[in-house]
Amino acid sequence: MQLYVDTVESDGMGQNKEFSLYEIEQFIREEGAERVSEDAVRELEREIEKLADTLAKKAMTYAGHAGRKKLIRTADVMLTRKMESPYRTPANFSHNPRITKPASNAVK
């Protein structure tokens, strides 16, 4: 898959645009790197594509549950990111925040 960004033209029509390697390199440099290898840029490109694929598939699943087969809305993407939060895992997620797991060294 190629990573595309939807841009809106003045006539309201969408146009697909790929991220260039230069733009990806700029993302890395904005984080403080002075020098960036081409291999690092290409690896980040692959990771971004994998992430975009995963998010799009999950957002499509949520849209399908909402009765939409062809339209992914912002809420679907936001729900995907919310459900992927590192803080929302079975080990540390509880419906009642007052309920906690017993300590492993607790006396029984």
Protein backbone atom coordinates (compact mmCIF):
# COMPACT_ATOMS: atom_id res chain seq x y z
CA MET A 1 0.00 0.00 0.00
CA GLN A 2 1.14 3.52 -0.71
CA LEU A 3 0.42 6.07 1.98
CA TYR A 4 -1.82 8.83 0.69
CA VAL A 5 -3.03 12.02 2.28
CA ASP A 6 -6.33 13.45 1.08
CA THR A 7 -5.99 17.11 0.15
CA VAL A 8 -8.92 19.32 -0.74
CA GLU A 9 -8.63 21.50 -3.82
CA SER A 10 -10.52 24.78 -4.28
CA ASP A 11 -13.19 23.00 -6.33
CA GLY A 12 -13.90 20.60 -3.44
CA MET A 13 -12.47 17.54 -5.21
CA GLY A 14 -10.07 15.33 -3.27
CA GLN A 15 -6.61 14.58 -4.59
CA ASN A 16 -4.30 11.81 -3.33
CA LYS A 17 -0.79 12.78 -2.33
CA GLU A 18 2.00 10.50 -1.14
CA PHE A 19 4.35 11.54 1.61
CA SER A 20 7.73 12.11 0.02
CA LEU A 21 10.87 10.72 1.61
CA TYR A 22 11.88 14.32 2.22
CA GLU A 23 8.73 14.96 4.26
CA ILE A 24 9.33 11.83 6.32
CA GLU A 25 12.91 12.93 6.91
CA GLN A 26 11.60 16.28 8.12
CA PHE A 27 9.39 14.50 10.67
CA ILE A 28 12.50 12.83 12.06
CA ARG A 29 14.52 16.07 12.06
CA GLU A 30 11.72 17.89 13.91
CA GLU A 31 12.30 15.41 16.75
CA GLY A 32 15.89 16.62 17.04
CA ALA A 33 17.95 14.41 14.73
CA GLU A 34 20.74 16.30 12.96
CA ARG A 35 21.51 13.51 10.52
CA VAL A 36 19.16 10.87 9.14
CA SER A 37 20.09 7.87 7.01
CA GLU A 38 18.05 6.97 3.95
CA ASP A 39 17.47 3.50 5.42
CA ALA A 40 15.95 5.08 8.54
CA VAL A 41 13.62 7.20 6.40
CA ARG A 42 12.51 4.19 4.36
CA GLU A 43 11.96 2.12 7.52
CA LEU A 44 9.80 4.86 9.03
CA GLU A 45 7.88 4.99 5.74
CA ARG A 46 7.16 1.24 6.01
CA GLU A 47 6.06 1.61 9.65
CA ILE A 48 3.75 4.52 8.80
CA GLU A 49 2.20 2.46 6.00
CA LYS A 50 1.63 -0.49 8.35
CA LEU A 51 0.06 1.78 10.95
CA ALA A 52 -2.16 3.44 8.34
CA ASP A 53 -3.28 0.02 7.03
CA THR A 54 -4.11 -1.20 10.52
CA LEU A 55 -5.99 1.96 11.49
CA ALA A 56 -7.95 2.03 8.22
CA LYS A 57 -9.01 -1.62 8.59
CA LYS A 58 -10.12 -1.13 12.19
CA ALA A 59 -11.91 2.13 11.36
CA MET A 60 -13.70 0.30 8.54
CA THR A 61 -14.79 -2.36 11.06
CA TYR A 62 -16.24 0.31 13.37
CA ALA A 63 -17.97 1.99 10.42
CA GLY A 64 -19.47 -1.38 9.48
CA HIS A 65 -20.82 -1.82 13.01
CA ALA A 66 -22.44 1.60 12.64
CA GLY A 67 -24.17 0.46 9.43
CA ARG A 68 -21.84 2.26 7.03
CA LYS A 69 -20.07 0.11 4.43
CA LYS A 70 -18.28 2.79 2.43
CA LEU A 71 -17.90 5.84 4.68
CA ILE A 72 -15.33 6.13 7.46
CA ARG A 73 -15.97 9.13 9.68
CA THR A 74 -13.65 10.96 12.03
CA ALA A 75 -15.36 9.28 14.98
CA ASP A 76 -14.42 5.84 13.59
CA VAL A 77 -10.74 6.80 13.43
CA MET A 78 -10.86 8.40 16.86
CA LEU A 79 -12.50 5.29 18.31
CA THR A 80 -9.78 3.17 16.71
CA ARG A 81 -7.06 5.24 18.35
CA LYS A 82 -8.91 5.25 21.68
CA MET A 83 -9.22 1.47 21.65
CA GLU A 84 -5.52 1.16 20.77
CA SER A 85 -4.42 3.23 23.76
CA PRO A 86 -1.60 1.58 25.74
CA TYR A 87 -3.53 2.44 28.90
CA ARG A 88 -6.54 0.38 27.83
CA THR A 89 -5.31 -3.16 28.27
CA PRO A 90 -7.06 -6.03 30.04
CA ALA A 91 -4.38 -6.03 32.73
CA ASN A 92 -5.06 -2.46 33.83
CA PHE A 93 -8.60 -1.72 32.59
CA SER A 94 -11.51 -1.85 34.98
CA HIS A 95 -15.08 -0.63 34.59
CA ASN A 96 -14.94 0.65 38.15
CA PRO A 97 -11.73 2.57 38.84
CA ARG A 98 -12.09 1.91 42.60
CA ILE A 99 -11.73 -1.81 42.07
CA THR A 100 -8.11 -2.86 41.93
CA LYS A 101 -6.32 -6.15 41.63
CA PRO A 102 -5.11 -7.66 44.87
CA ALA A 103 -1.39 -7.40 45.41
CA SER A 104 0.48 -10.52 44.38
CA ASN A 105 2.14 -10.72 47.79
CA ALA A 106 -1.13 -10.36 49.74
CA VAL A 107 -1.78 -12.80 52.58
CA LYS A 108 -4.54 -15.26 51.78
